[in-house]
Amino acid sequence: MPEKADDPEPLVDGRAMPPWRVALGRVVHWVSTLAVLGLGFGLTLAWIVFLCWLAYAVLRLMIE
């Protein structure tokens, strides 16, 4: 049976996470998010540069 948000008796009686662990989780989350975004941006930029280089090479062949 799922637990309701307004249930006065929670099903799990666990200790709260220590503040340092919460802070560490936030830092890891932000670092991983920035790494994924940076990787995506870097790969996109590399793909654009490659396509420009390819178009330049094709144009050079057509001109010659």
PDB file of N, CA and C in Angstrom:
ATOM      1  N   MET A   1       0.844  -1.179   0.000  1.00  0.00           N
ATOM      2  CA  MET A   1       0.000   0.000   0.000  1.00  0.00           C
ATOM      3  C   MET A   1       0.893   1.248   0.000  1.00  0.00           C
ATOM      4  N   PRO A   2       0.688   2.182  -0.942  1.00  0.00           N
ATOM      5  CA  PRO A   2       1.557   3.360  -0.994  1.00  0.00           C
ATOM      6  C   PRO A   2       1.330   4.286   0.191  1.00  0.00           C
ATOM      7  N   GLU A   3       2.395   4.949   0.556  1.00  0.00           N
ATOM      8  CA  GLU A   3       2.333   5.860   1.701  1.00  0.00           C
ATOM      9  C   GLU A   3       1.804   7.215   1.243  1.00  0.00           C
ATOM     10  N   LYS A   4       0.909   7.799   2.017  1.00  0.00           N
ATOM     11  CA  LYS A   4       0.370   9.114   1.679  1.00  0.00           C
ATOM     12  C   LYS A   4       1.270  10.193   2.261  1.00  0.00           C
ATOM     13  N   ALA A   5       1.234  11.366   1.631  1.00  0.00           N
ATOM     14  CA  ALA A   5       2.080  12.471   2.090  1.00  0.00           C
ATOM     15  C   ALA A   5       1.627  12.980   3.457  1.00  0.00           C
ATOM     16  N   ASP A   6       0.335  12.908   3.730  1.00  0.00           N
ATOM     17  CA  ASP A   6      -0.169  13.429   5.008  1.00  0.00           C
ATOM     18  C   ASP A   6      -0.346  12.330   6.053  1.00  0.00           C
ATOM     19  N   ASP A   7       0.291  11.196   5.830  1.00  0.00           N
ATOM     20  CA  ASP A   7       0.196  10.075   6.769  1.00  0.00           C
ATOM     21  C   ASP A   7       0.970  10.418   8.045  1.00  0.00           C
ATOM     22  N   PRO A   8       0.318  10.398   9.212  1.00  0.00           N
ATOM     23  CA  PRO A   8       1.034  10.754  10.451  1.00  0.00           C
ATOM     24  C   PRO A   8       2.084   9.709  10.842  1.00  0.00           C
ATOM     25  N   GLU A   9       1.913   8.474  10.408  1.00  0.00           N
ATOM     26  CA  GLU A   9       2.885   7.425  10.735  1.00  0.00           C
ATOM     27  C   GLU A   9       3.579   6.942   9.467  1.00  0.00           C
ATOM     28  N   PRO A  10       4.804   7.388   9.225  1.00  0.00           N
ATOM     29  CA  PRO A  10       5.499   6.918   8.030  1.00  0.00           C
ATOM     30  C   PRO A  10       5.834   5.435   8.146  1.00  0.00           C
ATOM     31  N   LEU A  11       5.929   4.759   7.012  1.00  0.00           N
ATOM     32  CA  LEU A  11       6.207   3.326   7.021  1.00  0.00           C
ATOM     33  C   LEU A  11       7.651   3.043   7.420  1.00  0.00           C
ATOM     34  N   VAL A  12       8.570   3.947   7.056  1.00  0.00           N
ATOM     35  CA  VAL A  12       9.987   3.753   7.377  1.00  0.00           C
ATOM     36  C   VAL A  12      10.379   4.757   8.440  1.00  0.00           C
ATOM     37  N   ASP A  13      10.953   4.251   9.508  1.00  0.00           N
ATOM     38  CA  ASP A  13      11.399   5.128  10.588  1.00  0.00           C
ATOM     39  C   ASP A  13      12.919   5.227  10.502  1.00  0.00           C
ATOM     40  N   GLY A  14      13.414   6.022   9.551  1.00  0.00           N
ATOM     41  CA  GLY A  14      14.863   6.135   9.348  1.00  0.00           C
ATOM     42  C   GLY A  14      15.382   7.464   9.840  1.00  0.00           C
ATOM     43  N   ARG A  15      16.707   7.508   9.989  1.00  0.00           N
ATOM     44  CA  ARG A  15      17.330   8.763  10.407  1.00  0.00           C
ATOM     45  C   ARG A  15      17.457   9.687   9.201  1.00  0.00           C
ATOM     46  N   ALA A  16      17.463  10.974   9.478  1.00  0.00           N
ATOM     47  CA  ALA A  16      17.644  11.944   8.396  1.00  0.00           C
ATOM     48  C   ALA A  16      19.091  11.894   7.915  1.00  0.00           C
ATOM     49  N   MET A  17      19.295  12.224   6.648  1.00  0.00           N
ATOM     50  CA  MET A  17      20.655  12.239   6.109  1.00  0.00           C
ATOM     51  C   MET A  17      21.434  13.386   6.745  1.00  0.00           C
ATOM     52  N   PRO A  18      22.714  13.153   7.035  1.00  0.00           N
ATOM     53  CA  PRO A  18      23.517  14.238   7.601  1.00  0.00           C
ATOM     54  C   PRO A  18      23.666  15.379   6.592  1.00  0.00           C
ATOM     55  N   PRO A  19      23.790  16.618   7.076  1.00  0.00           N
ATOM     56  CA  PRO A  19      23.869  17.772   6.167  1.00  0.00           C
ATOM     57  C   PRO A  19      25.054  17.691   5.201  1.00  0.00           C
ATOM     58  N   TRP A  20      26.186  17.134   5.649  1.00  0.00           N
ATOM     59  CA  TRP A  20      27.346  17.061   4.760  1.00  0.00           C
ATOM     60  C   TRP A  20      27.069  16.128   3.588  1.00  0.00           C
ATOM     61  N   ARG A  21      26.251  15.091   3.840  1.00  0.00           N
ATOM     62  CA  ARG A  21      25.928  14.163   2.758  1.00  0.00           C
ATOM     63  C   ARG A  21      24.954  14.784   1.768  1.00  0.00           C
ATOM     64  N   VAL A  22      24.042  15.593   2.283  1.00  0.00           N
ATOM     65  CA  VAL A  22      23.111  16.309   1.412  1.00  0.00           C
ATOM     66  C   VAL A  22      23.890  17.289   0.535  1.00  0.00           C
ATOM     67  N   ALA A  23      24.835  18.016   1.147  1.00  0.00           N
ATOM     68  CA  ALA A  23      25.645  18.971   0.389  1.00  0.00           C
ATOM     69  C   ALA A  23      26.501  18.255  -0.655  1.00  0.00           C
ATOM     70  N   LEU A  24      27.081  17.118  -0.281  1.00  0.00           N
ATOM     71  CA  LEU A  24      27.891  16.352  -1.224  1.00  0.00           C
ATOM     72  C   LEU A  24      27.035  15.868  -2.398  1.00  0.00           C
ATOM     73  N   GLY A  25      25.818  15.435  -2.115  1.00  0.00           N
ATOM     74  CA  GLY A  25      24.920  15.000  -3.184  1.00  0.00           C
ATOM     75  C   GLY A  25      24.586  16.121  -4.142  1.00  0.00           C
ATOM     76  N   ARG A  26      24.379  17.327  -3.596  1.00  0.00           N
ATOM     77  CA  ARG A  26      24.097  18.478  -4.465  1.00  0.00           C
ATOM     78  C   ARG A  26      25.299  18.821  -5.331  1.00  0.00           C
ATOM     79  N   VAL A  27      26.499  18.783  -4.754  1.00  0.00           N
ATOM     80  CA  VAL A  27      27.709  19.092  -5.517  1.00  0.00           C
ATOM     81  C   VAL A  27      27.901  18.074  -6.632  1.00  0.00           C
ATOM     82  N   VAL A  28      27.748  16.799  -6.312  1.00  0.00           N
ATOM     83  CA  VAL A  28      27.912  15.748  -7.327  1.00  0.00           C
ATOM     84  C   VAL A  28      26.868  15.925  -8.433  1.00  0.00           C
ATOM     85  N   HIS A  29      25.649  16.275  -8.055  1.00  0.00           N
ATOM     86  CA  HIS A  29      24.589  16.489  -9.043  1.00  0.00           C
ATOM     87  C   HIS A  29      24.950  17.623  -9.997  1.00  0.00           C
ATOM     88  N   TRP A  30      25.405  18.767  -9.440  1.00  0.00           N
ATOM     89  CA  TRP A  30      25.728  19.910 -10.283  1.00  0.00           C
ATOM     90  C   TRP A  30      26.951  19.639 -11.154  1.00  0.00           C
ATOM     91  N   VAL A  31      27.960  18.973 -10.610  1.00  0.00           N
ATOM     92  CA  VAL A  31      29.156  18.675 -11.400  1.00  0.00           C
ATOM     93  C   VAL A  31      28.812  17.741 -12.556  1.00  0.00           C
ATOM     94  N   SER A  32      28.017  16.716 -12.283  1.00  0.00           N
ATOM     95  CA  SER A  32      27.648  15.788 -13.356  1.00  0.00           C
ATOM     96  C   SER A  32      26.775  16.475 -14.396  1.00  0.00           C
ATOM     97  N   THR A  33      25.879  17.355 -13.959  1.00  0.00           N
ATOM     98  CA  THR A  33      25.037  18.089 -14.914  1.00  0.00           C
ATOM     99  C   THR A  33      25.886  18.970 -15.813  1.00  0.00           C
ATOM    100  N   LEU A  34      26.823  19.707 -15.221  1.00  0.00           N
ATOM    101  CA  LEU A  34      27.689  20.576 -16.017  1.00  0.00           C
ATOM    102  C   LEU A  34      28.581  19.764 -16.946  1.00  0.00           C
ATOM    103  N   ALA A  35      29.038  18.602 -16.493  1.00  0.00           N
ATOM    104  CA  ALA A  35      29.884  17.759 -17.343  1.00  0.00           C
ATOM    105  C   ALA A  35      29.094  17.253 -18.552  1.00  0.00           C
ATOM    106  N   VAL A  36      27.861  16.832 -18.329  1.00  0.00           N
ATOM    107  CA  VAL A  36      27.042  16.339 -19.447  1.00  0.00           C
ATOM    108  C   VAL A  36      26.735  17.471 -20.422  1.00  0.00           C
ATOM    109  N   LEU A  37      26.393  18.649 -19.890  1.00  0.00           N
ATOM    110  CA  LEU A  37      26.106  19.778 -20.774  1.00  0.00           C
ATOM    111  C   LEU A  37      27.350  20.201 -21.540  1.00  0.00           C
ATOM    112  N   GLY A  38      28.496  20.225 -20.858  1.00  0.00           N
ATOM    113  CA  GLY A  38      29.746  20.596 -21.521  1.00  0.00           C
ATOM    114  C   GLY A  38      30.128  19.600 -22.595  1.00  0.00           C
ATOM    115  N   LEU A  39      29.940  18.329 -22.317  1.00  0.00           N
ATOM    116  CA  LEU A  39      30.251  17.294 -23.300  1.00  0.00           C
ATOM    117  C   LEU A  39      29.331  17.428 -24.504  1.00  0.00           C
ATOM    118  N   GLY A  40      28.053  17.659 -24.245  1.00  0.00           N
ATOM    119  CA  GLY A  40      27.106  17.833 -25.352  1.00  0.00           C
ATOM    120  C   GLY A  40      27.444  19.044 -26.197  1.00  0.00           C
ATOM    121  N   PHE A  41      27.797  20.153 -25.546  1.00  0.00           N
ATOM    122  CA  PHE A  41      28.153  21.362 -26.285  1.00  0.00           C
ATOM    123  C   PHE A  41      29.437  21.146 -27.070  1.00  0.00           C
ATOM    124  N   GLY A  42      30.419  20.483 -26.459  1.00  0.00           N
ATOM    125  CA  GLY A  42      31.689  20.230 -27.140  1.00  0.00           C
ATOM    126  C   GLY A  42      31.510  19.325 -28.346  1.00  0.00           C
ATOM    127  N   LEU A  43      30.699  18.286 -28.211  1.00  0.00           N
ATOM    128  CA  LEU A  43      30.456  17.389 -29.340  1.00  0.00           C
ATOM    129  C   LEU A  43      29.681  18.095 -30.452  1.00  0.00           C
ATOM    130  N   THR A  44      28.739  18.951 -30.078  1.00  0.00           N
ATOM    131  CA  THR A  44      27.981  19.705 -31.073  1.00  0.00           C
ATOM    132  C   THR A  44      28.911  20.652 -31.822  1.00  0.00           C
ATOM    133  N   LEU A  45      29.775  21.335 -31.094  1.00  0.00           N
ATOM    134  CA  LEU A  45      30.721  22.254 -31.720  1.00  0.00           C
ATOM    135  C   LEU A  45      31.674  21.496 -32.640  1.00  0.00           C
ATOM    136  N   ALA A  46      32.155  20.341 -32.206  1.00  0.00           N
ATOM    137  CA  ALA A  46      33.051  19.540 -33.038  1.00  0.00           C
ATOM    138  C   ALA A  46      32.330  19.074 -34.305  1.00  0.00           C
ATOM    139  N   TRP A  47      31.060  18.707 -34.189  1.00  0.00           N
ATOM    140  CA  TRP A  47      30.286  18.271 -35.350  1.00  0.00           C
ATOM    141  C   TRP A  47      30.118  19.426 -36.339  1.00  0.00           C
ATOM    142  N   ILE A  48      29.843  20.634 -35.846  1.00  0.00           N
ATOM    143  CA  ILE A  48      29.684  21.806 -36.721  1.00  0.00           C
ATOM    144  C   ILE A  48      31.001  22.112 -37.428  1.00  0.00           C
ATOM    145  N   VAL A  49      32.101  22.065 -36.696  1.00  0.00           N
ATOM    146  CA  VAL A  49      33.412  22.320 -37.302  1.00  0.00           C
ATOM    147  C   VAL A  49      33.708  21.270 -38.373  1.00  0.00           C
ATOM    148  N   PHE A  50      33.408  20.011 -38.089  1.00  0.00           N
ATOM    149  CA  PHE A  50      33.641  18.954 -39.072  1.00  0.00           C
ATOM    150  C   PHE A  50      32.816  19.177 -40.331  1.00  0.00           C
ATOM    151  N   LEU A  51      31.541  19.544 -40.180  1.00  0.00           N
ATOM    152  CA  LEU A  51      30.693  19.774 -41.354  1.00  0.00           C
ATOM    153  C   LEU A  51      31.178  20.965 -42.161  1.00  0.00           C
ATOM    154  N   CYS A  52      31.644  22.011 -41.473  1.00  0.00           N
ATOM    155  CA  CYS A  52      32.196  23.167 -42.196  1.00  0.00           C
ATOM    156  C   CYS A  52      33.454  22.763 -42.954  1.00  0.00           C
ATOM    157  N   TRP A  53      34.305  21.981 -42.313  1.00  0.00           N
ATOM    158  CA  TRP A  53      35.520  21.526 -42.982  1.00  0.00           C
ATOM    159  C   TRP A  53      35.178  20.665 -44.196  1.00  0.00           C
ATOM    160  N   LEU A  54      34.167  19.804 -44.066  1.00  0.00           N
ATOM    161  CA  LEU A  54      33.760  18.948 -45.166  1.00  0.00           C
ATOM    162  C   LEU A  54      33.198  19.779 -46.325  1.00  0.00           C
ATOM    163  N   ALA A  55      32.379  20.766 -46.010  1.00  0.00           N
ATOM    164  CA  ALA A  55      31.831  21.642 -47.054  1.00  0.00           C
ATOM    165  C   ALA A  55      32.958  22.411 -47.748  1.00  0.00           C
ATOM    166  N   TYR A  56      33.922  22.880 -46.989  1.00  0.00           N
ATOM    167  CA  TYR A  56      35.069  23.590 -47.561  1.00  0.00           C
ATOM    168  C   TYR A  56      35.840  22.674 -48.506  1.00  0.00           C
ATOM    169  N   ALA A  57      36.066  21.418 -48.082  1.00  0.00           N
ATOM    170  CA  ALA A  57      36.807  20.473 -48.925  1.00  0.00           C
ATOM    171  C   ALA A  57      36.041  20.180 -50.217  1.00  0.00           C
ATOM    172  N   VAL A  58      34.728  20.019 -50.130  1.00  0.00           N
ATOM    173  CA  VAL A  58      33.923  19.753 -51.329  1.00  0.00           C
ATOM    174  C   VAL A  58      33.947  20.958 -52.261  1.00  0.00           C
ATOM    175  N   LEU A  59      33.827  22.159 -51.698  1.00  0.00           N
ATOM    176  CA  LEU A  59      33.883  23.361 -52.525  1.00  0.00           C
ATOM    177  C   LEU A  59      35.235  23.507 -53.214  1.00  0.00           C
ATOM    178  N   ARG A  60      36.305  23.211 -52.499  1.00  0.00           N
ATOM    179  CA  ARG A  60      37.655  23.282 -53.103  1.00  0.00           C
ATOM    180  C   ARG A  60      37.765  22.311 -54.263  1.00  0.00           C
ATOM    181  N   LEU A  61      37.203  21.099 -54.102  1.00  0.00           N
ATOM    182  CA  LEU A  61      37.241  20.132 -55.195  1.00  0.00           C
ATOM    183  C   LEU A  61      36.415  20.581 -56.399  1.00  0.00           C
ATOM    184  N   MET A  62      35.283  21.229 -56.123  1.00  0.00           N
ATOM    185  CA  MET A  62      34.431  21.711 -57.213  1.00  0.00           C
ATOM    186  C   MET A  62      35.080  22.869 -57.948  1.00  0.00           C
ATOM    187  N   ILE A  63      35.786  23.730 -57.250  1.00  0.00           N
ATOM    188  CA  ILE A  63      36.420  24.889 -57.874  1.00  0.00           C
ATOM    189  C   ILE A  63      37.598  24.459 -58.744  1.00  0.00           C
ATOM    190  N   GLU A  64      38.359  23.494 -58.327  1.00  0.00           N
ATOM    191  CA  GLU A  64      39.556  23.074 -59.068  1.00  0.00           C
ATOM    192  C   GLU A  64      39.213  22.356 -60.351  1.00  0.00           C
TER     193      GLU A  64
END
